[in-house]
Amino acid sequence: MTSVQFLTSDGHFIGFTAKGHTNYASVGKDIVCAGVSTLVQTTVLGLEQLVGLKLRLKQEKGSGYFSCLILQETDQEKLCQANFILNLMYLGLQQIAGEYQKYVEISIKEVEKNEV
């Protein structure tokens, strides 16, 4: 199963962590994994290239672990733009999780900015 946990602070998304493999199908044929991966990668591209954010990214190849965190020095306007993009990712993952409940789960965790 792939678990995606979104991090929020003061009502705004500030990042996410994805863990695990969906195991819906064999490698290269797993449409659920492909959907989750596409949303993750597109979100990171949007945050970096469209909004211009500096992110703390961590990926562990083979384990299915990927994390993305907006760095603290971000101004309010960019945080609002990032929140929009991360909300879109959240909605997309909700759609996938609704249809493939055994393979994808999503959650939200409220954190203090100084915790991350």
Protein backbone atom coordinates (compact mmCIF):
# COMPACT_ATOMS: atom_id res chain seq x y z
CA MET A 1 0.00 0.00 0.00
CA THR A 2 1.10 3.56 -0.68
CA SER A 3 0.43 6.02 2.13
CA VAL A 4 0.58 9.75 1.48
CA GLN A 5 0.55 12.07 4.45
CA PHE A 6 0.04 15.78 3.81
CA LEU A 7 1.52 18.24 6.27
CA THR A 8 -0.35 21.41 7.13
CA SER A 9 0.51 24.43 9.23
CA ASP A 10 -1.80 27.35 9.97
CA GLY A 11 -4.38 25.98 7.53
CA HIS A 12 -1.97 25.68 4.58
CA PHE A 13 -0.40 22.60 3.04
CA ILE A 14 3.37 22.79 3.49
CA GLY A 15 4.46 19.40 2.17
CA PHE A 16 3.85 15.69 2.00
CA THR A 17 5.43 12.29 2.50
CA ALA A 18 4.66 9.26 0.32
CA LYS A 19 5.66 5.77 1.46
CA GLY A 20 5.36 2.27 0.12
CA HIS A 21 4.31 0.54 -3.07
CA THR A 22 0.73 0.07 -4.20
CA ASN A 23 1.29 -3.52 -5.36
CA TYR A 24 -1.75 -3.26 -7.60
CA ALA A 25 0.12 -4.96 -10.46
CA SER A 26 3.64 -5.94 -11.44
CA VAL A 27 6.31 -3.29 -11.96
CA GLY A 28 5.72 -1.46 -15.22
CA LYS A 29 2.03 -2.40 -15.32
CA ASP A 30 0.86 -0.81 -12.06
CA ILE A 31 -1.59 1.91 -13.13
CA VAL A 32 -2.28 2.93 -9.53
CA CYS A 33 1.40 3.48 -8.84
CA ALA A 34 1.72 5.39 -12.11
CA GLY A 35 -1.16 7.67 -11.13
CA VAL A 36 0.27 8.40 -7.68
CA SER A 37 3.78 8.93 -9.08
CA THR A 38 2.48 11.30 -11.75
CA LEU A 39 0.70 13.44 -9.17
CA VAL A 40 3.77 13.51 -6.91
CA GLN A 41 6.19 14.47 -9.70
CA THR A 42 3.84 17.04 -11.28
CA THR A 43 3.26 18.67 -7.90
CA VAL A 44 6.99 19.03 -7.27
CA LEU A 45 7.50 20.49 -10.77
CA GLY A 46 4.70 22.99 -10.17
CA LEU A 47 6.05 24.05 -6.79
CA GLU A 48 9.59 24.50 -8.11
CA GLN A 49 9.06 25.78 -11.63
CA LEU A 50 5.72 27.60 -11.52
CA VAL A 51 5.80 29.01 -7.99
CA GLY A 52 9.60 29.22 -7.71
CA LEU A 53 9.85 27.57 -4.29
CA LYS A 54 12.89 26.05 -2.70
CA LEU A 55 11.95 22.62 -1.41
CA ARG A 56 13.51 20.02 0.83
CA LEU A 57 13.16 16.81 -1.18
CA LYS A 58 14.13 13.33 -0.09
CA GLN A 59 13.77 10.16 -2.10
CA GLU A 60 14.85 6.63 -1.27
CA LYS A 61 15.04 4.68 -4.52
CA GLY A 62 13.38 1.30 -4.43
CA SER A 63 11.63 1.85 -1.09
CA GLY A 64 8.80 4.00 -2.42
CA TYR A 65 9.71 6.84 -0.01
CA PHE A 66 9.46 10.44 -1.21
CA SER A 67 9.08 13.59 0.85
CA CYS A 68 8.62 17.21 -0.11
CA LEU A 69 8.67 20.13 2.31
CA ILE A 70 8.43 23.85 1.58
CA LEU A 71 11.30 25.66 3.25
CA GLN A 72 10.35 28.14 5.96
CA GLU A 73 11.48 31.40 4.33
CA THR A 74 8.58 31.34 1.83
CA ASP A 75 6.47 34.51 1.52
CA GLN A 76 2.69 34.50 1.93
CA GLU A 77 1.85 34.86 -1.77
CA LYS A 78 3.97 31.86 -2.70
CA LEU A 79 2.48 29.87 0.19
CA CYS A 80 -1.01 30.52 -1.21
CA GLN A 81 0.08 29.38 -4.68
CA ALA A 82 1.73 26.29 -3.19
CA ASN A 83 -1.41 25.54 -1.18
CA PHE A 84 -3.43 25.57 -4.41
CA ILE A 85 -1.06 23.11 -6.12
CA LEU A 86 -0.90 20.81 -3.07
CA ASN A 87 -4.71 20.92 -2.77
CA LEU A 88 -4.94 19.80 -6.37
CA MET A 89 -2.61 16.87 -5.61
CA TYR A 90 -4.72 16.03 -2.55
CA LEU A 91 -7.93 16.01 -4.61
CA GLY A 92 -6.33 13.80 -7.27
CA LEU A 93 -5.13 11.33 -4.65
CA GLN A 94 -8.55 11.32 -2.98
CA GLN A 95 -10.02 10.28 -6.31
CA ILE A 96 -7.49 7.46 -6.72
CA ALA A 97 -7.86 6.33 -3.08
CA GLY A 98 -11.63 6.28 -3.43
CA GLU A 99 -11.42 3.84 -6.28
CA TYR A 100 -8.41 1.81 -5.10
CA GLN A 101 -8.88 1.78 -1.31
CA LYS A 102 -6.73 -1.33 -0.77
CA TYR A 103 -3.77 0.30 -2.49
CA VAL A 104 -3.67 4.00 -1.54
CA GLU A 105 -4.41 5.87 1.67
CA ILE A 106 -4.10 9.56 2.36
CA SER A 107 -4.05 11.53 5.59
CA ILE A 108 -3.40 15.04 6.86
CA LYS A 109 -1.19 15.96 9.81
CA GLU A 110 -1.13 19.43 11.37
CA VAL A 111 2.39 20.49 12.41
CA GLU A 112 4.07 23.55 13.78
CA LYS A 113 6.45 25.11 11.26
CA ASN A 114 9.35 24.77 13.67
CA GLU A 115 8.68 21.00 13.95
CA VAL A 116 9.66 20.32 10.35
